[in-house]
Amino acid sequence: MSGVKGKSGVYKHSSNQGFQKGKEHFLWKGDKVKYRAIHSWVYRVLGNPNKCESCKKVKLNNHNIHWANISGEYLRSKLDWIRLCVSCHLKYDYKKGRKVKGKHKITK
């Protein structure tokens, strides 16, 4: 692993390296990323959704509109995500068989 371990034991980039993003960053996990990390990526890249693409509700609180995964593979692709309100998201996941006792099931 590249980078320098600071006093706190946390890795930091050294001044002779440029700040690296994405695949170039020394902590990049690629396809081994977890559920929370992929959703953080989606919000960074696609922003906060404000309209449900299913029922067309608009101007809902940002927590009431989600980015829902289309393929079930949780890809880092802008085309693999759709904006859905909570109600439509739950129905969508249920139809796809992705909810298991209130938790998300990631299928690969």
Protein backbone atom coordinates (compact mmCIF):
# COMPACT_ATOMS: atom_id res chain seq x y z
CA MET A 1 0.00 0.00 0.00
CA SER A 2 1.47 3.36 -0.95
CA GLY A 3 1.15 6.49 1.13
CA VAL A 4 2.54 7.49 4.49
CA LYS A 5 1.18 6.36 7.84
CA GLY A 6 0.66 9.38 10.10
CA LYS A 7 0.98 9.56 13.92
CA SER A 8 -2.64 8.50 14.32
CA GLY A 9 -2.01 5.34 12.30
CA VAL A 10 -4.11 6.64 9.42
CA TYR A 11 -2.65 6.69 5.93
CA LYS A 12 -2.19 10.07 4.32
CA HIS A 13 -0.79 10.94 0.92
CA SER A 14 2.76 12.16 0.85
CA SER A 15 3.51 15.63 -0.49
CA ASN A 16 5.50 14.24 -3.43
CA GLN A 17 2.39 12.41 -4.70
CA GLY A 18 -0.39 14.38 -6.34
CA PHE A 19 -3.84 13.91 -4.83
CA GLN A 20 -5.23 10.84 -6.55
CA LYS A 21 -8.91 10.14 -7.19
CA GLY A 22 -10.70 7.03 -8.35
CA LYS A 23 -8.62 4.11 -9.61
CA GLU A 24 -5.39 6.03 -9.00
CA HIS A 25 -6.04 6.43 -5.23
CA PHE A 26 -4.06 4.00 -3.07
CA LEU A 27 -7.19 2.91 -1.15
CA TRP A 28 -9.23 2.14 -4.31
CA LYS A 29 -11.19 -1.11 -3.88
CA GLY A 30 -12.66 -1.42 -7.37
CA ASP A 31 -15.45 -4.01 -7.54
CA LYS A 32 -14.89 -5.06 -3.90
CA VAL A 33 -16.62 -1.90 -2.68
CA LYS A 34 -19.34 -2.23 -0.02
CA TYR A 35 -22.99 -1.12 -0.17
CA ARG A 36 -22.48 2.22 1.64
CA ALA A 37 -19.43 3.18 -0.45
CA ILE A 38 -21.16 2.60 -3.79
CA HIS A 39 -24.12 4.72 -2.67
CA SER A 40 -21.74 7.48 -1.58
CA TRP A 41 -20.20 7.35 -5.05
CA VAL A 42 -23.64 7.59 -6.67
CA TYR A 43 -24.56 10.70 -4.66
CA ARG A 44 -21.17 12.32 -5.41
CA VAL A 45 -21.44 11.65 -9.15
CA LEU A 46 -25.20 11.96 -9.77
CA GLY A 47 -26.15 14.38 -6.97
CA ASN A 48 -29.32 14.44 -4.89
CA PRO A 49 -32.37 13.21 -6.80
CA ASN A 50 -35.44 15.48 -6.67
CA LYS A 51 -38.01 13.70 -8.87
CA CYS A 52 -39.30 10.12 -8.89
CA GLU A 53 -38.91 8.63 -12.36
CA SER A 54 -41.78 6.20 -11.72
CA CYS A 55 -44.68 8.18 -10.20
CA LYS A 56 -43.26 11.61 -11.22
CA LYS A 57 -43.50 13.14 -7.72
CA VAL A 58 -41.30 16.24 -7.47
CA LYS A 59 -39.78 18.50 -4.83
CA LEU A 60 -39.81 15.88 -2.11
CA ASN A 61 -37.31 16.03 0.74
CA ASN A 62 -34.01 14.55 -0.48
CA HIS A 63 -34.34 11.67 1.99
CA ASN A 64 -37.62 10.67 0.36
CA ILE A 65 -36.09 10.24 -3.11
CA HIS A 66 -33.43 7.54 -3.53
CA TRP A 67 -31.05 6.35 -6.18
CA ALA A 68 -32.19 2.79 -6.90
CA ASN A 69 -29.95 0.26 -8.62
CA ILE A 70 -31.31 -1.10 -11.90
CA SER A 71 -29.14 -4.15 -12.65
CA GLY A 72 -28.72 -5.49 -9.13
CA GLU A 73 -24.95 -5.53 -9.67
CA TYR A 74 -24.29 -2.09 -8.11
CA LEU A 75 -22.06 -0.92 -10.93
CA ARG A 76 -20.15 2.36 -11.01
CA SER A 77 -22.12 3.41 -14.06
CA LYS A 78 -24.44 6.41 -14.28
CA LEU A 79 -26.77 4.32 -16.45
CA ASP A 80 -27.25 1.71 -13.70
CA TRP A 81 -29.22 4.00 -11.37
CA ILE A 82 -32.77 5.42 -11.35
CA ARG A 83 -34.41 8.05 -9.12
CA LEU A 84 -37.32 6.63 -7.12
CA CYS A 85 -39.38 7.86 -4.17
CA VAL A 86 -39.36 5.61 -1.08
CA SER A 87 -42.66 3.96 -2.00
CA CYS A 88 -41.66 3.21 -5.61
CA HIS A 89 -38.17 2.09 -4.50
CA LEU A 90 -39.59 -0.47 -2.06
CA LYS A 91 -42.01 -1.79 -4.71
CA TYR A 92 -39.19 -1.94 -7.30
CA ASP A 93 -36.84 -3.85 -5.00
CA TYR A 94 -39.63 -6.21 -3.88
CA LYS A 95 -40.45 -7.10 -7.49
CA LYS A 96 -36.77 -7.76 -8.17
CA GLY A 97 -36.47 -9.92 -5.02
CA ARG A 98 -33.77 -7.71 -3.49
CA LYS A 99 -35.17 -7.17 0.00
CA VAL A 100 -34.46 -9.73 2.68
CA LYS A 101 -35.93 -9.00 6.13
CA GLY A 102 -35.48 -5.25 5.76
CA LYS A 103 -31.88 -5.47 4.55
CA HIS A 104 -30.49 -5.04 1.07
CA LYS A 105 -29.23 -8.12 -0.68
CA ILE A 106 -26.45 -7.37 -3.14
CA THR A 107 -26.43 -9.83 -6.00
CA LYS A 108 -23.31 -10.31 -8.10
